[in-house]
Amino acid sequence: MNVTVKAIHFDAKASLEEFIQKKITKLEQYSDKITSADVTLQVVKPEVSDNKEVMLKVLMPNNELVVTKTADSFEEAFDNAMDAMIRSIKKAKEKANELKK
């Protein structure tokens, strides 16, 4: 699985990128069909709390799943996005299995 991490309008710390790389590999246990994952980090409205936005995009054959979450920290937003993405992957697998029947 190819993993791309993009930070928009700021430089992400190496520790944040390592955190993301380490956690995103867990997606492979839910589907072996994932070809790539793109993570986009962005600070929205700097004057407010809950301003760290993470967009997680996962590409699978015939499917593109996208989740966007916002929180106080990038780590928290990423964890929330991962939880939502895991649910989306499970749902996509169920749908694919129903279509095979």
C-alpha atoms as a PDB file:
ATOM      1  CA  MET A   1       0.000   0.000   0.000  1.00  0.00           C
ATOM      2  CA  ASN A   2       1.322   3.418  -0.980  1.00  0.00           C
ATOM      3  CA  VAL A   3       0.927   6.030   1.748  1.00  0.00           C
ATOM      4  CA  THR A   4       1.160   9.759   1.019  1.00  0.00           C
ATOM      5  CA  VAL A   5       1.084  12.399   3.759  1.00  0.00           C
ATOM      6  CA  LYS A   6       0.544  16.021   2.704  1.00  0.00           C
ATOM      7  CA  ALA A   7       0.612  19.001   5.038  1.00  0.00           C
ATOM      8  CA  ILE A   8      -1.070  22.079   3.555  1.00  0.00           C
ATOM      9  CA  HIS A   9       0.472  25.466   4.438  1.00  0.00           C
ATOM     10  CA  PHE A  10       2.717  24.091   7.203  1.00  0.00           C
ATOM     11  CA  ASP A  11       5.499  21.545   7.758  1.00  0.00           C
ATOM     12  CA  ALA A  12       4.411  18.422   9.619  1.00  0.00           C
ATOM     13  CA  LYS A  13       6.804  17.166  12.274  1.00  0.00           C
ATOM     14  CA  ALA A  14       8.569  13.870  11.617  1.00  0.00           C
ATOM     15  CA  SER A  15       6.946  12.425  14.749  1.00  0.00           C
ATOM     16  CA  LEU A  16       3.470  13.192  13.347  1.00  0.00           C
ATOM     17  CA  GLU A  17       4.312  11.547  10.024  1.00  0.00           C
ATOM     18  CA  GLU A  18       5.705   8.472  11.828  1.00  0.00           C
ATOM     19  CA  PHE A  19       2.520   8.298  13.930  1.00  0.00           C
ATOM     20  CA  ILE A  20       0.395   8.341  10.756  1.00  0.00           C
ATOM     21  CA  GLN A  21       2.575   5.812   8.882  1.00  0.00           C
ATOM     22  CA  LYS A  22       2.508   3.412  11.836  1.00  0.00           C
ATOM     23  CA  LYS A  23      -1.269   3.627  12.382  1.00  0.00           C
ATOM     24  CA  ILE A  24      -2.330   3.547   8.731  1.00  0.00           C
ATOM     25  CA  THR A  25      -0.834   0.093   8.174  1.00  0.00           C
ATOM     26  CA  LYS A  26      -3.615  -1.242  10.437  1.00  0.00           C
ATOM     27  CA  LEU A  27      -6.050  -0.677   7.558  1.00  0.00           C
ATOM     28  CA  GLU A  28      -4.490  -3.638   5.740  1.00  0.00           C
ATOM     29  CA  GLN A  29      -5.993  -6.043   8.286  1.00  0.00           C
ATOM     30  CA  TYR A  30      -9.475  -4.940   7.178  1.00  0.00           C
ATOM     31  CA  SER A  31      -8.866  -5.236   3.444  1.00  0.00           C
ATOM     32  CA  ASP A  32      -5.981  -6.583   1.397  1.00  0.00           C
ATOM     33  CA  LYS A  33      -7.313  -4.769  -1.688  1.00  0.00           C
ATOM     34  CA  ILE A  34      -6.183  -1.293  -0.584  1.00  0.00           C
ATOM     35  CA  THR A  35      -3.794   0.088  -3.190  1.00  0.00           C
ATOM     36  CA  SER A  36      -3.027   3.480  -1.651  1.00  0.00           C
ATOM     37  CA  ALA A  37      -3.886   5.851   1.160  1.00  0.00           C
ATOM     38  CA  ASP A  38      -3.583   9.641   1.058  1.00  0.00           C
ATOM     39  CA  VAL A  39      -3.580  11.711   4.238  1.00  0.00           C
ATOM     40  CA  THR A  40      -4.015  15.481   3.985  1.00  0.00           C
ATOM     41  CA  LEU A  41      -3.365  17.629   7.057  1.00  0.00           C
ATOM     42  CA  GLN A  42      -4.653  21.185   7.241  1.00  0.00           C
ATOM     43  CA  VAL A  43      -5.201  23.902   9.844  1.00  0.00           C
ATOM     44  CA  VAL A  44      -8.597  25.521   9.376  1.00  0.00           C
ATOM     45  CA  LYS A  45      -9.567  28.778  11.073  1.00  0.00           C
ATOM     46  CA  PRO A  46      -6.421  29.156  13.230  1.00  0.00           C
ATOM     47  CA  GLU A  47      -8.199  31.289  15.846  1.00  0.00           C
ATOM     48  CA  VAL A  48     -10.536  28.478  17.003  1.00  0.00           C
ATOM     49  CA  SER A  49     -10.017  25.192  18.855  1.00  0.00           C
ATOM     50  CA  ASP A  50     -10.861  22.023  16.921  1.00  0.00           C
ATOM     51  CA  ASN A  51      -9.021  23.480  13.946  1.00  0.00           C
ATOM     52  CA  LYS A  52      -6.857  20.520  12.867  1.00  0.00           C
ATOM     53  CA  GLU A  53      -8.407  18.773   9.873  1.00  0.00           C
ATOM     54  CA  VAL A  54      -7.391  15.361   8.561  1.00  0.00           C
ATOM     55  CA  MET A  55      -8.680  14.016   5.265  1.00  0.00           C
ATOM     56  CA  LEU A  56      -8.057  10.315   4.743  1.00  0.00           C
ATOM     57  CA  LYS A  57      -8.576   8.892   1.258  1.00  0.00           C
ATOM     58  CA  VAL A  58      -8.253   5.158   0.597  1.00  0.00           C
ATOM     59  CA  LEU A  59      -8.187   3.733  -2.917  1.00  0.00           C
ATOM     60  CA  MET A  60      -9.373   0.203  -3.627  1.00  0.00           C
ATOM     61  CA  PRO A  61     -10.261  -1.372  -6.967  1.00  0.00           C
ATOM     62  CA  ASN A  62     -13.542   0.206  -8.151  1.00  0.00           C
ATOM     63  CA  ASN A  63     -13.821   2.168  -4.913  1.00  0.00           C
ATOM     64  CA  GLU A  64     -12.563   5.391  -3.347  1.00  0.00           C
ATOM     65  CA  LEU A  65     -13.348   6.016   0.308  1.00  0.00           C
ATOM     66  CA  VAL A  66     -12.889   9.496   1.791  1.00  0.00           C
ATOM     67  CA  VAL A  67     -13.218  10.565   5.434  1.00  0.00           C
ATOM     68  CA  THR A  68     -12.617  14.046   6.871  1.00  0.00           C
ATOM     69  CA  LYS A  69     -12.389  14.702  10.610  1.00  0.00           C
ATOM     70  CA  THR A  70     -11.544  17.797  12.665  1.00  0.00           C
ATOM     71  CA  ALA A  71     -10.212  17.911  16.245  1.00  0.00           C
ATOM     72  CA  ASP A  72      -7.924  19.765  18.676  1.00  0.00           C
ATOM     73  CA  SER A  73      -4.839  17.859  17.519  1.00  0.00           C
ATOM     74  CA  PHE A  74      -3.843  16.093  14.322  1.00  0.00           C
ATOM     75  CA  GLU A  75      -3.364  12.843  16.242  1.00  0.00           C
ATOM     76  CA  GLU A  76      -6.911  12.956  17.604  1.00  0.00           C
ATOM     77  CA  ALA A  77      -8.368  13.918  14.215  1.00  0.00           C
ATOM     78  CA  PHE A  78      -6.385  11.106  12.547  1.00  0.00           C
ATOM     79  CA  ASP A  79      -7.584   8.532  15.106  1.00  0.00           C
ATOM     80  CA  ASN A  80     -11.195   9.634  14.518  1.00  0.00           C
ATOM     81  CA  ALA A  81     -10.673   9.436  10.750  1.00  0.00           C
ATOM     82  CA  MET A  82      -9.168   5.934  11.099  1.00  0.00           C
ATOM     83  CA  ASP A  83     -12.186   4.728  13.089  1.00  0.00           C
ATOM     84  CA  ALA A  84     -14.552   6.110  10.462  1.00  0.00           C
ATOM     85  CA  MET A  85     -12.445   4.645   7.627  1.00  0.00           C
ATOM     86  CA  ILE A  86     -12.470   1.189   9.232  1.00  0.00           C
ATOM     87  CA  ARG A  87     -16.274   1.346   9.375  1.00  0.00           C
ATOM     88  CA  SER A  88     -16.363   2.465   5.710  1.00  0.00           C
ATOM     89  CA  ILE A  89     -14.070  -0.376   4.618  1.00  0.00           C
ATOM     90  CA  LYS A  90     -16.191  -2.945   6.467  1.00  0.00           C
ATOM     91  CA  LYS A  91     -19.333  -1.510   4.860  1.00  0.00           C
ATOM     92  CA  ALA A  92     -17.737  -1.609   1.395  1.00  0.00           C
ATOM     93  CA  LYS A  93     -16.700  -5.241   1.908  1.00  0.00           C
ATOM     94  CA  GLU A  94     -20.222  -6.197   3.004  1.00  0.00           C
ATOM     95  CA  LYS A  95     -21.663  -4.468  -0.048  1.00  0.00           C
ATOM     96  CA  ALA A  96     -19.211  -6.260  -2.354  1.00  0.00           C
ATOM     97  CA  ASN A  97     -20.072  -9.624  -0.757  1.00  0.00           C
ATOM     98  CA  GLU A  98     -23.800  -8.976  -1.213  1.00  0.00           C
ATOM     99  CA  LEU A  99     -23.254  -8.210  -4.888  1.00  0.00           C
ATOM    100  CA  LYS A 100     -21.409 -11.520  -5.373  1.00  0.00           C
ATOM    101  CA  LYS A 101     -24.413 -13.523  -4.124  1.00  0.00           C
END
